[in-house]
Amino acid sequence: MSNPVEEFNNYRAKMNEKLLANDNKIIKRIFNLDTNAFSEGALDIKTKELLGLVASTVLRCDDCIKYHLETSYKNGITKAEMMEAMSIATLVGGTIVIPHLRRAYEFWEALEESK
């Protein structure tokens, strides 16, 4: 049986490598900005990841949701914290985000199983 976490990470790594190999200054700067935005600052990393998760859910970006779920999980966010953040995302985003909520929950379970 395939592992959705490994599949996502392998595809993401492969495609990021290809994108960055094109040496496009703007794309490289956007990637760098993204990395720096989620580093420790006035807000801690956990808070920033939960903010990223909520924004990604409201914007309905499944890849972004998976990315922030995994980084949240790796940074010690609990299932209860994740679900509370996702409840805010569902409230703000409306019922249209429920399919993304389902897939997020499924991906979180895969993260727990791959531990």
N, C-alpha and C. Protein backbone atom coordinates (compact mmCIF):
# COMPACT_ATOMS: atom_id res chain seq x y z
N MET A 1 0.85 -1.19 0.00
CA MET A 1 0.00 0.00 0.00
C MET A 1 0.89 1.25 0.00
N SER A 2 0.50 2.23 -0.74
CA SER A 2 1.31 3.44 -0.85
C SER A 2 1.15 4.32 0.39
N ASN A 3 2.18 5.09 0.66
CA ASN A 3 2.18 5.99 1.79
C ASN A 3 1.95 7.41 1.26
N PRO A 4 0.80 8.02 1.58
CA PRO A 4 0.50 9.35 1.05
C PRO A 4 1.50 10.43 1.49
N VAL A 5 2.08 10.28 2.66
CA VAL A 5 3.06 11.26 3.13
C VAL A 5 4.33 11.16 2.29
N GLU A 6 4.82 9.95 2.07
CA GLU A 6 6.01 9.76 1.24
C GLU A 6 5.77 10.21 -0.20
N GLU A 7 4.61 9.85 -0.74
CA GLU A 7 4.27 10.26 -2.12
C GLU A 7 4.29 11.77 -2.25
N PHE A 8 3.67 12.46 -1.31
CA PHE A 8 3.62 13.92 -1.35
C PHE A 8 5.02 14.51 -1.27
N ASN A 9 5.80 14.04 -0.30
CA ASN A 9 7.16 14.58 -0.11
C ASN A 9 8.08 14.29 -1.28
N ASN A 10 7.99 13.09 -1.84
CA ASN A 10 8.83 12.74 -2.98
C ASN A 10 8.50 13.61 -4.19
N TYR A 11 7.22 13.77 -4.48
CA TYR A 11 6.80 14.60 -5.61
C TYR A 11 7.22 16.06 -5.39
N ARG A 12 6.97 16.56 -4.20
CA ARG A 12 7.29 17.95 -3.87
C ARG A 12 8.79 18.20 -4.02
N ALA A 13 9.61 17.31 -3.49
CA ALA A 13 11.07 17.46 -3.57
C ALA A 13 11.54 17.41 -5.02
N LYS A 14 11.02 16.46 -5.78
CA LYS A 14 11.41 16.32 -7.19
C LYS A 14 11.07 17.58 -7.98
N MET A 15 9.86 18.07 -7.82
CA MET A 15 9.43 19.23 -8.59
C MET A 15 10.09 20.52 -8.12
N ASN A 16 10.30 20.66 -6.81
CA ASN A 16 11.01 21.85 -6.31
C ASN A 16 12.43 21.89 -6.87
N GLU A 17 13.08 20.73 -6.91
CA GLU A 17 14.43 20.66 -7.47
C GLU A 17 14.43 21.11 -8.93
N LYS A 18 13.46 20.64 -9.70
CA LYS A 18 13.37 21.03 -11.10
C LYS A 18 13.11 22.53 -11.25
N LEU A 19 12.20 23.04 -10.45
CA LEU A 19 11.88 24.47 -10.52
C LEU A 19 13.08 25.33 -10.18
N LEU A 20 13.77 24.98 -9.10
CA LEU A 20 14.91 25.77 -8.66
C LEU A 20 16.11 25.63 -9.60
N ALA A 21 16.20 24.51 -10.32
CA ALA A 21 17.30 24.29 -11.26
C ALA A 21 17.22 25.24 -12.45
N ASN A 22 16.06 25.81 -12.69
CA ASN A 22 15.91 26.76 -13.80
C ASN A 22 16.53 28.11 -13.49
N ASP A 23 16.96 28.29 -12.27
CA ASP A 23 17.69 29.49 -11.85
C ASP A 23 16.91 30.79 -12.12
N ASN A 24 15.61 30.75 -11.84
CA ASN A 24 14.78 31.94 -11.98
C ASN A 24 14.86 32.73 -10.67
N LYS A 25 15.37 33.94 -10.75
CA LYS A 25 15.60 34.75 -9.55
C LYS A 25 14.31 34.99 -8.76
N ILE A 26 13.22 35.26 -9.43
CA ILE A 26 11.95 35.56 -8.73
C ILE A 26 11.45 34.34 -7.99
N ILE A 27 11.47 33.17 -8.66
CA ILE A 27 11.01 31.95 -7.99
C ILE A 27 11.90 31.63 -6.80
N LYS A 28 13.20 31.75 -6.95
CA LYS A 28 14.11 31.49 -5.83
C LYS A 28 13.84 32.44 -4.67
N ARG A 29 13.57 33.70 -4.97
CA ARG A 29 13.28 34.67 -3.91
C ARG A 29 11.96 34.37 -3.21
N ILE A 30 10.97 33.92 -3.97
CA ILE A 30 9.69 33.56 -3.35
C ILE A 30 9.87 32.37 -2.43
N PHE A 31 10.63 31.35 -2.87
CA PHE A 31 10.89 30.20 -2.03
C PHE A 31 11.61 30.63 -0.75
N ASN A 32 12.60 31.51 -0.89
CA ASN A 32 13.35 32.00 0.25
C ASN A 32 12.46 32.80 1.20
N LEU A 33 11.62 33.64 0.65
CA LEU A 33 10.69 34.43 1.46
C LEU A 33 9.77 33.52 2.25
N ASP A 34 9.27 32.49 1.60
CA ASP A 34 8.38 31.53 2.26
C ASP A 34 9.10 30.85 3.43
N THR A 35 10.32 30.41 3.19
CA THR A 35 11.10 29.77 4.26
C THR A 35 11.31 30.72 5.43
N ASN A 36 11.71 31.93 5.14
CA ASN A 36 11.97 32.90 6.20
C ASN A 36 10.71 33.34 6.94
N ALA A 37 9.60 33.42 6.25
CA ALA A 37 8.35 33.86 6.88
C ALA A 37 7.90 32.89 7.97
N PHE A 38 8.23 31.62 7.82
CA PHE A 38 7.78 30.62 8.79
C PHE A 38 8.84 30.28 9.84
N SER A 39 9.92 31.06 9.89
CA SER A 39 10.92 30.84 10.94
C SER A 39 10.52 31.63 12.19
N GLU A 40 11.17 31.30 13.30
CA GLU A 40 10.88 31.93 14.59
C GLU A 40 10.99 33.44 14.50
N GLY A 41 10.07 34.12 15.09
CA GLY A 41 10.07 35.59 15.11
C GLY A 41 9.23 36.05 16.29
N ALA A 42 8.48 37.13 16.12
CA ALA A 42 7.58 37.59 17.17
C ALA A 42 6.54 36.50 17.48
N LEU A 43 6.18 35.74 16.46
CA LEU A 43 5.31 34.58 16.64
C LEU A 43 6.17 33.32 16.61
N ASP A 44 5.81 32.35 17.43
CA ASP A 44 6.57 31.11 17.41
C ASP A 44 6.20 30.28 16.18
N ILE A 45 7.01 29.29 15.88
CA ILE A 45 6.85 28.48 14.68
C ILE A 45 5.51 27.75 14.68
N LYS A 46 5.09 27.22 15.82
CA LYS A 46 3.81 26.51 15.89
C LYS A 46 2.65 27.42 15.48
N THR A 47 2.65 28.63 15.99
CA THR A 47 1.58 29.58 15.65
C THR A 47 1.60 29.89 14.16
N LYS A 48 2.79 30.12 13.62
CA LYS A 48 2.90 30.43 12.20
C LYS A 48 2.42 29.27 11.34
N GLU A 49 2.74 28.05 11.74
CA GLU A 49 2.29 26.88 10.96
C GLU A 49 0.77 26.75 11.01
N LEU A 50 0.18 27.01 12.17
CA LEU A 50 -1.28 26.95 12.26
C LEU A 50 -1.93 28.05 11.43
N LEU A 51 -1.31 29.23 11.41
CA LEU A 51 -1.81 30.30 10.55
C LEU A 51 -1.71 29.89 9.08
N GLY A 52 -0.61 29.29 8.71
CA GLY A 52 -0.44 28.80 7.34
C GLY A 52 -1.46 27.74 7.00
N LEU A 53 -1.75 26.86 7.96
CA LEU A 53 -2.73 25.81 7.75
C LEU A 53 -4.12 26.40 7.54
N VAL A 54 -4.50 27.36 8.36
CA VAL A 54 -5.81 28.00 8.23
C VAL A 54 -5.92 28.73 6.89
N ALA A 55 -4.90 29.51 6.56
CA ALA A 55 -4.94 30.26 5.30
C ALA A 55 -5.00 29.30 4.11
N SER A 56 -4.23 28.24 4.15
CA SER A 56 -4.22 27.27 3.06
C SER A 56 -5.57 26.59 2.90
N THR A 57 -6.22 26.33 4.03
CA THR A 57 -7.54 25.69 3.97
C THR A 57 -8.58 26.64 3.40
N VAL A 58 -8.56 27.88 3.87
CA VAL A 58 -9.51 28.87 3.35
C VAL A 58 -9.29 29.08 1.85
N LEU A 59 -8.02 29.05 1.41
CA LEU A 59 -7.71 29.21 -0.01
C LEU A 59 -7.89 27.91 -0.80
N ARG A 60 -8.16 26.82 -0.09
CA ARG A 60 -8.45 25.51 -0.69
C ARG A 60 -7.28 24.96 -1.52
N CYS A 61 -6.09 25.03 -0.94
CA CYS A 61 -4.89 24.50 -1.59
C CYS A 61 -4.46 23.21 -0.88
N ASP A 62 -4.82 22.07 -1.46
CA ASP A 62 -4.52 20.79 -0.81
C ASP A 62 -3.02 20.56 -0.59
N ASP A 63 -2.18 20.93 -1.57
CA ASP A 63 -0.74 20.76 -1.37
C ASP A 63 -0.25 21.61 -0.20
N CYS A 64 -0.74 22.83 -0.11
CA CYS A 64 -0.34 23.72 1.00
C CYS A 64 -0.83 23.16 2.33
N ILE A 65 -2.04 22.64 2.34
CA ILE A 65 -2.60 22.05 3.56
C ILE A 65 -1.71 20.90 4.01
N LYS A 66 -1.36 20.01 3.09
CA LYS A 66 -0.50 18.87 3.43
C LYS A 66 0.84 19.35 3.98
N TYR A 67 1.43 20.34 3.31
CA TYR A 67 2.72 20.86 3.76
C TYR A 67 2.61 21.38 5.20
N HIS A 68 1.60 22.20 5.47
CA HIS A 68 1.46 22.77 6.81
C HIS A 68 1.02 21.74 7.85
N LEU A 69 0.28 20.73 7.44
CA LEU A 69 -0.04 19.64 8.36
C LEU A 69 1.24 18.93 8.79
N GLU A 70 2.08 18.61 7.83
CA GLU A 70 3.30 17.88 8.16
C GLU A 70 4.26 18.72 9.00
N THR A 71 4.44 19.98 8.65
CA THR A 71 5.35 20.81 9.44
C THR A 71 4.76 21.08 10.82
N SER A 72 3.45 21.18 10.91
CA SER A 72 2.80 21.32 12.22
C SER A 72 3.05 20.07 13.06
N TYR A 73 2.84 18.93 12.45
CA TYR A 73 3.04 17.65 13.14
C TYR A 73 4.48 17.52 13.63
N LYS A 74 5.43 17.86 12.76
CA LYS A 74 6.86 17.77 13.13
C LYS A 74 7.23 18.76 14.22
N ASN A 75 6.49 19.85 14.34
CA ASN A 75 6.76 20.86 15.37
C ASN A 75 5.96 20.64 16.64
N GLY A 76 5.34 19.48 16.77
CA GLY A 76 4.70 19.09 18.02
C GLY A 76 3.26 19.55 18.20
N ILE A 77 2.64 20.01 17.15
CA ILE A 77 1.23 20.39 17.26
C ILE A 77 0.41 19.12 17.43
N THR A 78 -0.51 19.16 18.36
CA THR A 78 -1.33 17.99 18.65
C THR A 78 -2.51 17.91 17.68
N LYS A 79 -3.12 16.75 17.64
CA LYS A 79 -4.32 16.57 16.82
C LYS A 79 -5.42 17.53 17.26
N ALA A 80 -5.55 17.72 18.56
CA ALA A 80 -6.57 18.64 19.08
C ALA A 80 -6.30 20.07 18.63
N GLU A 81 -5.04 20.49 18.65
CA GLU A 81 -4.69 21.84 18.19
C GLU A 81 -4.96 22.00 16.70
N MET A 82 -4.57 20.96 15.94
CA MET A 82 -4.81 20.99 14.50
C MET A 82 -6.30 21.07 14.21
N MET A 83 -7.10 20.28 14.90
CA MET A 83 -8.54 20.28 14.66
C MET A 83 -9.18 21.61 15.05
N GLU A 84 -8.67 22.22 16.10
CA GLU A 84 -9.20 23.53 16.49
C GLU A 84 -8.89 24.58 15.42
N ALA A 85 -7.67 24.53 14.88
CA ALA A 85 -7.31 25.44 13.80
C ALA A 85 -8.17 25.16 12.57
N MET A 86 -8.38 23.89 12.26
CA MET A 86 -9.20 23.54 11.09
C MET A 86 -10.66 23.93 11.30
N SER A 87 -11.10 23.96 12.55
CA SER A 87 -12.48 24.41 12.80
C SER A 87 -12.62 25.89 12.50
N ILE A 88 -11.58 26.67 12.82
CA ILE A 88 -11.59 28.10 12.48
C ILE A 88 -11.56 28.26 10.96
N ALA A 89 -10.73 27.46 10.29
CA ALA A 89 -10.64 27.53 8.83
C ALA A 89 -11.99 27.20 8.19
N THR A 90 -12.68 26.22 8.74
CA THR A 90 -13.98 25.84 8.20
C THR A 90 -15.02 26.92 8.46
N LEU A 91 -14.95 27.53 9.62
CA LEU A 91 -15.86 28.63 9.94
C LEU A 91 -15.63 29.80 8.98
N VAL A 92 -14.37 30.18 8.80
CA VAL A 92 -14.04 31.31 7.94
C VAL A 92 -14.29 30.98 6.47
N GLY A 93 -13.89 29.79 6.04
CA GLY A 93 -13.99 29.41 4.64
C GLY A 93 -15.37 28.95 4.21
N GLY A 94 -16.16 28.50 5.16
CA GLY A 94 -17.50 28.02 4.84
C GLY A 94 -17.50 26.54 4.46
N THR A 95 -18.67 26.06 4.15
CA THR A 95 -18.83 24.62 3.89
C THR A 95 -18.06 24.15 2.67
N ILE A 96 -17.65 25.06 1.79
CA ILE A 96 -16.89 24.66 0.61
C ILE A 96 -15.54 24.06 0.99
N VAL A 97 -15.04 24.33 2.20
CA VAL A 97 -13.75 23.76 2.60
C VAL A 97 -13.89 22.38 3.27
N ILE A 98 -15.11 21.90 3.46
CA ILE A 98 -15.29 20.60 4.11
C ILE A 98 -14.57 19.46 3.38
N PRO A 99 -14.59 19.39 2.04
CA PRO A 99 -13.80 18.34 1.39
C PRO A 99 -12.30 18.43 1.72
N HIS A 100 -11.79 19.64 1.86
CA HIS A 100 -10.38 19.83 2.23
C HIS A 100 -10.15 19.42 3.68
N LEU A 101 -11.13 19.66 4.52
CA LEU A 101 -11.06 19.22 5.92
C LEU A 101 -10.98 17.70 5.97
N ARG A 102 -11.78 17.03 5.17
CA ARG A 102 -11.75 15.56 5.13
C ARG A 102 -10.36 15.06 4.72
N ARG A 103 -9.83 15.64 3.64
CA ARG A 103 -8.52 15.19 3.16
C ARG A 103 -7.41 15.54 4.16
N ALA A 104 -7.56 16.67 4.84
CA ALA A 104 -6.58 17.06 5.86
C ALA A 104 -6.58 16.05 7.00
N TYR A 105 -7.76 15.65 7.44
CA TYR A 105 -7.86 14.68 8.53
C TYR A 105 -7.24 13.35 8.11
N GLU A 106 -7.52 12.95 6.89
CA GLU A 106 -6.95 11.71 6.37
C GLU A 106 -5.42 11.79 6.31
N PHE A 107 -4.88 12.92 5.87
CA PHE A 107 -3.43 13.10 5.79
C PHE A 107 -2.82 13.11 7.19
N TRP A 108 -3.49 13.73 8.15
CA TRP A 108 -2.99 13.74 9.54
C TRP A 108 -2.91 12.30 10.06
N GLU A 109 -3.92 11.50 9.77
CA GLU A 109 -3.88 10.09 10.18
C GLU A 109 -2.68 9.38 9.55
N ALA A 110 -2.39 9.69 8.29
CA ALA A 110 -1.23 9.09 7.62
C ALA A 110 0.06 9.54 8.30
N LEU A 111 0.12 10.78 8.73
CA LEU A 111 1.29 11.27 9.47
C LEU A 111 1.45 10.48 10.77
N GLU A 112 0.36 10.28 11.48
CA GLU A 112 0.41 9.51 12.73
C GLU A 112 0.84 8.06 12.48
N GLU A 113 0.35 7.48 11.41
CA GLU A 113 0.70 6.09 11.10
C GLU A 113 2.14 5.94 10.66
N SER A 114 2.70 6.96 10.02
CA SER A 114 4.07 6.88 9.52
C SER A 114 5.11 7.15 10.59
N LYS A 115 4.65 7.50 11.79
CA LYS A 115 5.56 7.85 12.88
C LYS A 115 6.43 6.69 13.28
